[in-house]
Amino acid sequence: MFQALFFWHWWVIAAVLIILELTVAGTYFFLWMAAAAGVTGVIAVLAPGLGWEIQVLIWVLLSVASVFAWRHFKPNLNQPTDQPALNRRGTQYVGRVFTLENAIVNGVGKLTVADTTWKIRGPDTPAGTQVEVTAVEGTSLIVQPAGSPDAA
């Protein structure tokens, strides 16, 4: 199959894996395999008589170890934040009161907040009524007339 693997083969493999990492979003999987290939290339420079079988074994072991080490030591990205509604615009409006410009008909209407028009759902309500946002479902704000017992 192979006659020999030289150090530069491993560095080419590392470069290809880094390019693959850059094109595949959010994995960090190929990055560690690329690092393992780079280290294997360095080992191949330091020990030029190493057979290709041993080089592949070293790369596999380094790849597995580095991926598991990353999974174990990576920072926890699900930590509580001081801004839980960040990037969830609809939840920022829960509890706020707005005045309807258009009536809610058949349980559906529109509400303009700043520069955005939101789809709203709630009981049929005439225009000019103040409504309170009670929840968010998908891209719709759920509203109730302000001051009603259901709004709290």
N, C-alpha and C. Protein backbone atom coordinates (compact mmCIF):
# COMPACT_ATOMS: atom_id res chain seq x y z
N MET A 1 0.83 -1.18 0.00
CA MET A 1 0.00 0.00 0.00
C MET A 1 0.88 1.25 0.00
N PHE A 2 1.52 1.58 1.14
CA PHE A 2 2.44 2.71 1.21
C PHE A 2 3.86 2.18 1.23
N GLN A 3 4.74 2.88 0.61
CA GLN A 3 6.15 2.56 0.74
C GLN A 3 6.71 3.27 1.96
N ALA A 4 6.32 4.56 2.11
CA ALA A 4 6.81 5.34 3.25
C ALA A 4 5.95 6.58 3.39
N LEU A 5 5.87 7.07 4.60
CA LEU A 5 5.24 8.36 4.87
C LEU A 5 6.33 9.28 5.38
N PHE A 6 6.51 10.40 4.74
CA PHE A 6 7.51 11.35 5.16
C PHE A 6 6.87 12.43 6.02
N PHE A 7 7.69 13.19 6.71
CA PHE A 7 7.17 14.23 7.61
C PHE A 7 6.27 15.21 6.89
N TRP A 8 6.60 15.56 5.65
CA TRP A 8 5.81 16.55 4.93
C TRP A 8 4.44 16.02 4.56
N HIS A 9 4.28 14.70 4.46
CA HIS A 9 2.95 14.12 4.24
C HIS A 9 2.02 14.51 5.41
N TRP A 10 2.56 14.39 6.61
CA TRP A 10 1.76 14.70 7.80
C TRP A 10 1.41 16.18 7.86
N TRP A 11 2.31 17.03 7.42
CA TRP A 11 2.03 18.46 7.44
C TRP A 11 1.01 18.83 6.38
N VAL A 12 1.02 18.13 5.26
CA VAL A 12 -0.02 18.34 4.23
C VAL A 12 -1.36 17.87 4.78
N ILE A 13 -1.37 16.72 5.44
CA ILE A 13 -2.62 16.21 6.05
C ILE A 13 -3.12 17.21 7.09
N ALA A 14 -2.21 17.76 7.89
CA ALA A 14 -2.60 18.75 8.90
C ALA A 14 -3.22 19.98 8.24
N ALA A 15 -2.62 20.46 7.15
CA ALA A 15 -3.16 21.63 6.45
C ALA A 15 -4.54 21.33 5.88
N VAL A 16 -4.72 20.15 5.31
CA VAL A 16 -6.03 19.78 4.75
C VAL A 16 -7.08 19.70 5.87
N LEU A 17 -6.71 19.14 6.99
CA LEU A 17 -7.65 19.04 8.12
C LEU A 17 -7.99 20.42 8.69
N ILE A 18 -7.03 21.33 8.70
CA ILE A 18 -7.33 22.69 9.17
C ILE A 18 -8.29 23.38 8.21
N ILE A 19 -8.06 23.20 6.92
CA ILE A 19 -8.99 23.78 5.93
C ILE A 19 -10.38 23.17 6.09
N LEU A 20 -10.43 21.88 6.34
CA LEU A 20 -11.72 21.22 6.57
C LEU A 20 -12.38 21.76 7.83
N GLU A 21 -11.59 22.00 8.86
CA GLU A 21 -12.13 22.58 10.11
C GLU A 21 -12.73 23.96 9.86
N LEU A 22 -12.06 24.73 9.02
CA LEU A 22 -12.54 26.08 8.74
C LEU A 22 -13.82 26.08 7.91
N THR A 23 -14.04 25.04 7.13
CA THR A 23 -15.24 25.00 6.29
C THR A 23 -16.43 24.33 6.97
N VAL A 24 -16.19 23.51 7.99
CA VAL A 24 -17.26 22.85 8.72
C VAL A 24 -17.48 23.64 10.00
N ALA A 25 -18.69 24.12 10.20
CA ALA A 25 -18.97 25.03 11.31
C ALA A 25 -19.03 24.32 12.66
N GLY A 26 -18.31 24.88 13.62
CA GLY A 26 -18.47 24.55 15.03
C GLY A 26 -18.16 23.14 15.47
N THR A 27 -17.21 22.44 14.86
CA THR A 27 -16.94 21.08 15.30
C THR A 27 -15.76 20.98 16.25
N TYR A 28 -14.64 21.63 15.94
CA TYR A 28 -13.38 21.53 16.66
C TYR A 28 -12.83 20.10 16.62
N PHE A 29 -13.42 19.24 15.82
CA PHE A 29 -12.99 17.86 15.71
C PHE A 29 -11.76 17.74 14.82
N PHE A 30 -11.82 18.35 13.64
CA PHE A 30 -10.71 18.26 12.70
C PHE A 30 -9.50 19.05 13.17
N LEU A 31 -9.72 20.06 13.97
CA LEU A 31 -8.61 20.86 14.49
C LEU A 31 -7.65 19.99 15.28
N TRP A 32 -8.19 19.13 16.12
CA TRP A 32 -7.34 18.29 16.98
C TRP A 32 -6.69 17.17 16.18
N MET A 33 -7.37 16.69 15.16
CA MET A 33 -6.75 15.71 14.28
C MET A 33 -5.61 16.36 13.49
N ALA A 34 -5.80 17.62 13.10
CA ALA A 34 -4.74 18.36 12.40
C ALA A 34 -3.55 18.57 13.32
N ALA A 35 -3.80 18.91 14.56
CA ALA A 35 -2.70 19.07 15.52
C ALA A 35 -1.95 17.76 15.70
N ALA A 36 -2.70 16.66 15.77
CA ALA A 36 -2.06 15.35 15.90
C ALA A 36 -1.22 15.03 14.67
N ALA A 37 -1.70 15.40 13.49
CA ALA A 37 -0.93 15.17 12.26
C ALA A 37 0.34 16.02 12.27
N GLY A 38 0.24 17.25 12.72
CA GLY A 38 1.43 18.11 12.81
C GLY A 38 2.46 17.54 13.77
N VAL A 39 2.00 17.08 14.93
CA VAL A 39 2.91 16.49 15.90
C VAL A 39 3.53 15.20 15.34
N THR A 40 2.73 14.42 14.64
CA THR A 40 3.25 13.20 14.01
C THR A 40 4.32 13.55 12.99
N GLY A 41 4.12 14.66 12.26
CA GLY A 41 5.15 15.12 11.33
C GLY A 41 6.43 15.49 12.04
N VAL A 42 6.33 16.13 13.19
CA VAL A 42 7.52 16.48 13.97
C VAL A 42 8.21 15.21 14.45
N ILE A 43 7.42 14.24 14.90
CA ILE A 43 8.01 12.96 15.33
C ILE A 43 8.70 12.27 14.16
N ALA A 44 8.11 12.36 12.96
CA ALA A 44 8.73 11.74 11.78
C ALA A 44 10.05 12.43 11.42
N VAL A 45 10.16 13.72 11.69
CA VAL A 45 11.43 14.42 11.46
C VAL A 45 12.48 13.95 12.46
N LEU A 46 12.07 13.79 13.73
CA LEU A 46 13.01 13.40 14.78
C LEU A 46 13.40 11.93 14.70
N ALA A 47 12.53 11.10 14.15
CA ALA A 47 12.82 9.66 14.02
C ALA A 47 12.57 9.25 12.57
N PRO A 48 13.50 9.53 11.67
CA PRO A 48 13.28 9.33 10.24
C PRO A 48 13.09 7.87 9.83
N GLY A 49 13.52 6.91 10.59
CA GLY A 49 13.38 5.51 10.20
C GLY A 49 12.06 4.88 10.64
N LEU A 50 11.14 5.68 11.20
CA LEU A 50 9.88 5.15 11.70
C LEU A 50 9.02 4.66 10.55
N GLY A 51 8.50 3.45 10.65
CA GLY A 51 7.66 2.90 9.60
C GLY A 51 6.32 3.63 9.52
N TRP A 52 5.67 3.52 8.36
CA TRP A 52 4.40 4.23 8.18
C TRP A 52 3.32 3.70 9.10
N GLU A 53 3.40 2.39 9.43
CA GLU A 53 2.40 1.81 10.33
C GLU A 53 2.47 2.45 11.71
N ILE A 54 3.68 2.63 12.20
CA ILE A 54 3.88 3.25 13.51
C ILE A 54 3.44 4.72 13.47
N GLN A 55 3.74 5.41 12.37
CA GLN A 55 3.34 6.81 12.22
C GLN A 55 1.82 6.94 12.25
N VAL A 56 1.13 6.06 11.53
CA VAL A 56 -0.34 6.11 11.52
C VAL A 56 -0.88 5.80 12.92
N LEU A 57 -0.26 4.82 13.59
CA LEU A 57 -0.68 4.49 14.96
C LEU A 57 -0.48 5.69 15.89
N ILE A 58 0.64 6.37 15.78
CA ILE A 58 0.89 7.56 16.59
C ILE A 58 -0.16 8.63 16.30
N TRP A 59 -0.46 8.85 15.03
CA TRP A 59 -1.46 9.86 14.67
C TRP A 59 -2.83 9.51 15.23
N VAL A 60 -3.23 8.23 15.11
CA VAL A 60 -4.53 7.81 15.63
C VAL A 60 -4.59 8.02 17.14
N LEU A 61 -3.55 7.58 17.85
CA LEU A 61 -3.55 7.73 19.31
C LEU A 61 -3.56 9.20 19.72
N LEU A 62 -2.75 10.02 19.05
CA LEU A 62 -2.75 11.45 19.37
C LEU A 62 -4.09 12.11 19.04
N SER A 63 -4.71 11.69 17.94
CA SER A 63 -6.02 12.25 17.56
C SER A 63 -7.07 11.93 18.60
N VAL A 64 -7.15 10.66 18.97
CA VAL A 64 -8.15 10.25 19.96
C VAL A 64 -7.90 10.94 21.29
N ALA A 65 -6.63 10.96 21.72
CA ALA A 65 -6.31 11.59 23.00
C ALA A 65 -6.62 13.08 22.98
N SER A 66 -6.29 13.76 21.89
CA SER A 66 -6.53 15.20 21.85
C SER A 66 -8.02 15.53 21.77
N VAL A 67 -8.80 14.73 21.04
CA VAL A 67 -10.24 14.97 20.97
C VAL A 67 -10.88 14.76 22.35
N PHE A 68 -10.50 13.67 23.02
CA PHE A 68 -11.05 13.43 24.36
C PHE A 68 -10.59 14.49 25.36
N ALA A 69 -9.35 14.91 25.25
CA ALA A 69 -8.86 15.97 26.15
C ALA A 69 -9.63 17.26 25.92
N TRP A 70 -9.89 17.61 24.67
CA TRP A 70 -10.67 18.81 24.37
C TRP A 70 -12.07 18.70 24.95
N ARG A 71 -12.71 17.57 24.74
CA ARG A 71 -14.07 17.39 25.28
C ARG A 71 -14.08 17.51 26.80
N HIS A 72 -13.02 17.03 27.44
CA HIS A 72 -12.97 17.06 28.90
C HIS A 72 -12.65 18.45 29.45
N PHE A 73 -11.72 19.16 28.81
CA PHE A 73 -11.23 20.43 29.34
C PHE A 73 -11.85 21.67 28.71
N LYS A 74 -12.70 21.52 27.70
CA LYS A 74 -13.26 22.69 27.03
C LYS A 74 -14.11 23.50 28.01
N PRO A 75 -14.21 24.79 27.79
CA PRO A 75 -15.03 25.61 28.69
C PRO A 75 -16.51 25.27 28.52
N ASN A 76 -17.23 25.36 29.62
CA ASN A 76 -18.67 25.10 29.58
C ASN A 76 -19.36 26.32 29.01
N LEU A 77 -19.95 26.17 27.82
CA LEU A 77 -20.59 27.29 27.15
C LEU A 77 -22.03 27.50 27.59
N ASN A 78 -22.53 26.64 28.46
CA ASN A 78 -23.92 26.75 28.92
C ASN A 78 -24.00 27.33 30.33
N GLN A 79 -23.06 28.19 30.66
CA GLN A 79 -23.07 28.81 31.98
C GLN A 79 -24.18 29.85 32.06
N PRO A 80 -24.73 30.04 33.24
CA PRO A 80 -25.73 31.10 33.40
C PRO A 80 -25.10 32.46 33.07
N THR A 81 -25.92 33.34 32.53
CA THR A 81 -25.43 34.64 32.12
C THR A 81 -26.20 35.73 32.85
N ASP A 82 -25.61 36.91 32.91
CA ASP A 82 -26.29 38.04 33.52
C ASP A 82 -27.26 38.69 32.54
N GLN A 83 -27.28 38.23 31.28
CA GLN A 83 -28.20 38.74 30.28
C GLN A 83 -28.90 37.56 29.59
N PRO A 84 -29.85 36.90 30.28
CA PRO A 84 -30.46 35.70 29.72
C PRO A 84 -31.30 35.95 28.47
N ALA A 85 -31.75 37.17 28.24
CA ALA A 85 -32.59 37.46 27.07
C ALA A 85 -31.77 37.94 25.86
N LEU A 86 -30.45 37.97 25.99
CA LEU A 86 -29.61 38.40 24.89
C LEU A 86 -29.81 37.48 23.69
N ASN A 87 -30.01 38.06 22.52
CA ASN A 87 -30.27 37.36 21.27
C ASN A 87 -31.59 36.61 21.27
N ARG A 88 -32.45 36.91 22.18
CA ARG A 88 -33.82 36.37 22.20
C ARG A 88 -34.74 37.57 22.39
N ARG A 89 -34.89 38.33 21.31
CA ARG A 89 -35.57 39.62 21.40
C ARG A 89 -36.97 39.52 21.95
N GLY A 90 -37.70 38.49 21.57
CA GLY A 90 -39.08 38.37 22.02
C GLY A 90 -39.20 38.28 23.53
N THR A 91 -38.28 37.56 24.17
CA THR A 91 -38.36 37.42 25.62
C THR A 91 -38.07 38.73 26.35
N GLN A 92 -37.42 39.66 25.67
CA GLN A 92 -37.16 40.96 26.27
C GLN A 92 -38.44 41.77 26.47
N TYR A 93 -39.48 41.40 25.72
CA TYR A 93 -40.73 42.15 25.78
C TYR A 93 -41.74 41.56 26.77
N VAL A 94 -41.48 40.38 27.32
CA VAL A 94 -42.41 39.76 28.26
C VAL A 94 -42.57 40.67 29.47
N GLY A 95 -43.81 40.95 29.82
CA GLY A 95 -44.11 41.82 30.95
C GLY A 95 -44.28 43.28 30.57
N ARG A 96 -43.92 43.66 29.35
CA ARG A 96 -44.08 45.05 28.92
C ARG A 96 -45.47 45.28 28.37
N VAL A 97 -45.91 46.51 28.45
CA VAL A 97 -47.25 46.90 27.99
C VAL A 97 -47.11 47.78 26.76
N PHE A 98 -47.91 47.49 25.73
CA PHE A 98 -47.91 48.24 24.48
C PHE A 98 -49.33 48.59 24.10
N THR A 99 -49.49 49.62 23.29
CA THR A 99 -50.80 50.02 22.79
C THR A 99 -50.97 49.48 21.38
N LEU A 100 -52.12 48.81 21.15
CA LEU A 100 -52.39 48.23 19.84
C LEU A 100 -52.70 49.33 18.83
N GLU A 101 -52.04 49.29 17.68
CA GLU A 101 -52.37 50.19 16.58
C GLU A 101 -53.45 49.57 15.71
N ASN A 102 -53.45 48.23 15.62
CA ASN A 102 -54.44 47.49 14.85
C ASN A 102 -55.12 46.49 15.78
N ALA A 103 -56.36 46.20 15.51
CA ALA A 103 -57.12 45.28 16.35
C ALA A 103 -56.61 43.85 16.18
N ILE A 104 -56.82 43.06 17.23
CA ILE A 104 -56.56 41.62 17.14
C ILE A 104 -57.87 40.99 16.69
N VAL A 105 -57.84 40.34 15.55
CA VAL A 105 -59.05 39.73 14.97
C VAL A 105 -58.80 38.23 14.81
N ASN A 106 -59.78 37.44 15.27
CA ASN A 106 -59.67 35.98 15.23
C ASN A 106 -58.40 35.48 15.93
N GLY A 107 -58.00 36.18 16.98
CA GLY A 107 -56.87 35.76 17.79
C GLY A 107 -55.51 36.11 17.25
N VAL A 108 -55.46 36.83 16.09
CA VAL A 108 -54.17 37.15 15.47
C VAL A 108 -54.12 38.63 15.13
N GLY A 109 -52.97 39.24 15.32
CA GLY A 109 -52.80 40.63 14.96
C GLY A 109 -51.34 40.96 14.79
N LYS A 110 -51.07 42.26 14.68
CA LYS A 110 -49.70 42.74 14.53
C LYS A 110 -49.45 43.84 15.53
N LEU A 111 -48.22 43.89 16.00
CA LEU A 111 -47.83 44.90 16.97
C LEU A 111 -46.48 45.45 16.53
N THR A 112 -46.39 46.78 16.43
CA THR A 112 -45.12 47.41 16.08
C THR A 112 -44.42 47.85 17.34
N VAL A 113 -43.21 47.34 17.53
CA VAL A 113 -42.37 47.69 18.67
C VAL A 113 -41.08 48.25 18.09
N ALA A 114 -40.83 49.52 18.37
CA ALA A 114 -39.67 50.22 17.81
C ALA A 114 -39.72 50.13 16.29
N ASP A 115 -38.78 49.42 15.69
CA ASP A 115 -38.76 49.35 14.23
C ASP A 115 -39.17 47.97 13.71
N THR A 116 -39.75 47.14 14.57
CA THR A 116 -40.08 45.77 14.20
C THR A 116 -41.57 45.53 14.35
N THR A 117 -42.15 44.83 13.38
CA THR A 117 -43.54 44.43 13.46
C THR A 117 -43.58 42.96 13.87
N TRP A 118 -44.28 42.70 14.97
CA TRP A 118 -44.39 41.35 15.51
C TRP A 118 -45.77 40.79 15.23
N LYS A 119 -45.83 39.50 14.99
CA LYS A 119 -47.11 38.80 14.94
C LYS A 119 -47.51 38.56 16.39
N ILE A 120 -48.76 38.87 16.72
CA ILE A 120 -49.23 38.65 18.09
C ILE A 120 -50.44 37.75 18.08
N ARG A 121 -50.59 37.04 19.19
CA ARG A 121 -51.77 36.18 19.38
C ARG A 121 -52.36 36.48 20.74
N GLY A 122 -53.67 36.48 20.76
CA GLY A 122 -54.36 36.75 22.01
C GLY A 122 -55.85 36.89 21.74
N PRO A 123 -56.61 37.26 22.76
CA PRO A 123 -58.06 37.42 22.57
C PRO A 123 -58.35 38.61 21.66
N ASP A 124 -59.47 38.56 20.96
CA ASP A 124 -59.86 39.67 20.09
C ASP A 124 -59.94 40.94 20.92
N THR A 125 -59.23 41.96 20.44
CA THR A 125 -59.10 43.21 21.17
C THR A 125 -59.12 44.36 20.18
N PRO A 126 -59.86 45.44 20.48
CA PRO A 126 -59.90 46.57 19.54
C PRO A 126 -58.59 47.37 19.54
N ALA A 127 -58.38 48.12 18.47
CA ALA A 127 -57.21 49.00 18.37
C ALA A 127 -57.27 50.04 19.48
N GLY A 128 -56.13 50.48 19.95
CA GLY A 128 -56.05 51.47 21.01
C GLY A 128 -56.01 50.87 22.40
N THR A 129 -56.20 49.59 22.53
CA THR A 129 -56.18 48.93 23.83
C THR A 129 -54.74 48.64 24.23
N GLN A 130 -54.47 48.79 25.51
CA GLN A 130 -53.15 48.43 26.00
C GLN A 130 -53.11 46.93 26.27
N VAL A 131 -52.05 46.29 25.76
CA VAL A 131 -51.89 44.85 25.96
C VAL A 131 -50.53 44.59 26.60
N GLU A 132 -50.47 43.52 27.38
CA GLU A 132 -49.23 43.11 28.02
C GLU A 132 -48.75 41.82 27.37
N VAL A 133 -47.47 41.77 27.06
CA VAL A 133 -46.87 40.56 26.49
C VAL A 133 -46.67 39.57 27.64
N THR A 134 -47.27 38.38 27.51
CA THR A 134 -47.19 37.39 28.58
C THR A 134 -46.24 36.23 28.26
N ALA A 135 -46.00 36.00 26.97
CA ALA A 135 -45.12 34.88 26.59
C ALA A 135 -44.68 35.06 25.14
N VAL A 136 -43.77 34.20 24.74
CA VAL A 136 -43.31 34.16 23.35
C VAL A 136 -43.40 32.72 22.89
N GLU A 137 -44.01 32.51 21.73
CA GLU A 137 -44.06 31.18 21.13
C GLU A 137 -43.53 31.30 19.71
N GLY A 138 -42.33 30.79 19.50
CA GLY A 138 -41.71 30.91 18.19
C GLY A 138 -41.43 32.37 17.89
N THR A 139 -42.06 32.89 16.81
CA THR A 139 -41.87 34.29 16.44
C THR A 139 -43.10 35.13 16.77
N SER A 140 -44.00 34.58 17.55
CA SER A 140 -45.22 35.30 17.93
C SER A 140 -45.17 35.70 19.40
N LEU A 141 -45.64 36.93 19.66
CA LEU A 141 -45.80 37.37 21.04
C LEU A 141 -47.21 37.02 21.48
N ILE A 142 -47.36 36.48 22.66
CA ILE A 142 -48.67 36.17 23.23
C ILE A 142 -49.04 37.33 24.13
N VAL A 143 -50.22 37.92 23.88
CA VAL A 143 -50.63 39.11 24.63
C VAL A 143 -51.98 38.90 25.29
N GLN A 144 -52.21 39.69 26.31
CA GLN A 144 -53.49 39.78 27.02
C GLN A 144 -53.76 41.25 27.27
N PRO A 145 -55.00 41.67 27.35
CA PRO A 145 -55.26 43.07 27.71
C PRO A 145 -54.62 43.39 29.04
N ALA A 146 -53.95 44.55 29.10
CA ALA A 146 -53.25 44.94 30.32
C ALA A 146 -54.21 45.06 31.47
N GLY A 147 -53.82 44.57 32.62
CA GLY A 147 -54.64 44.66 33.81
C GLY A 147 -55.61 43.50 33.95
N SER A 148 -55.73 42.63 32.95
CA SER A 148 -56.62 41.47 33.08
C SER A 148 -55.95 40.43 33.99
N PRO A 149 -56.74 39.59 34.65
CA PRO A 149 -56.14 38.61 35.55
C PRO A 149 -55.21 37.63 34.83
N ASP A 150 -55.44 37.36 33.55
CA ASP A 150 -54.59 36.42 32.79
C ASP A 150 -53.25 37.05 32.44
N ALA A 151 -53.14 38.37 32.47
CA ALA A 151 -51.91 39.05 32.06
C ALA A 151 -50.83 38.92 33.13
N ALA A 152 -51.16 38.65 34.36
CA ALA A 152 -50.16 38.59 35.44
C ALA A 152 -49.42 37.31 35.48
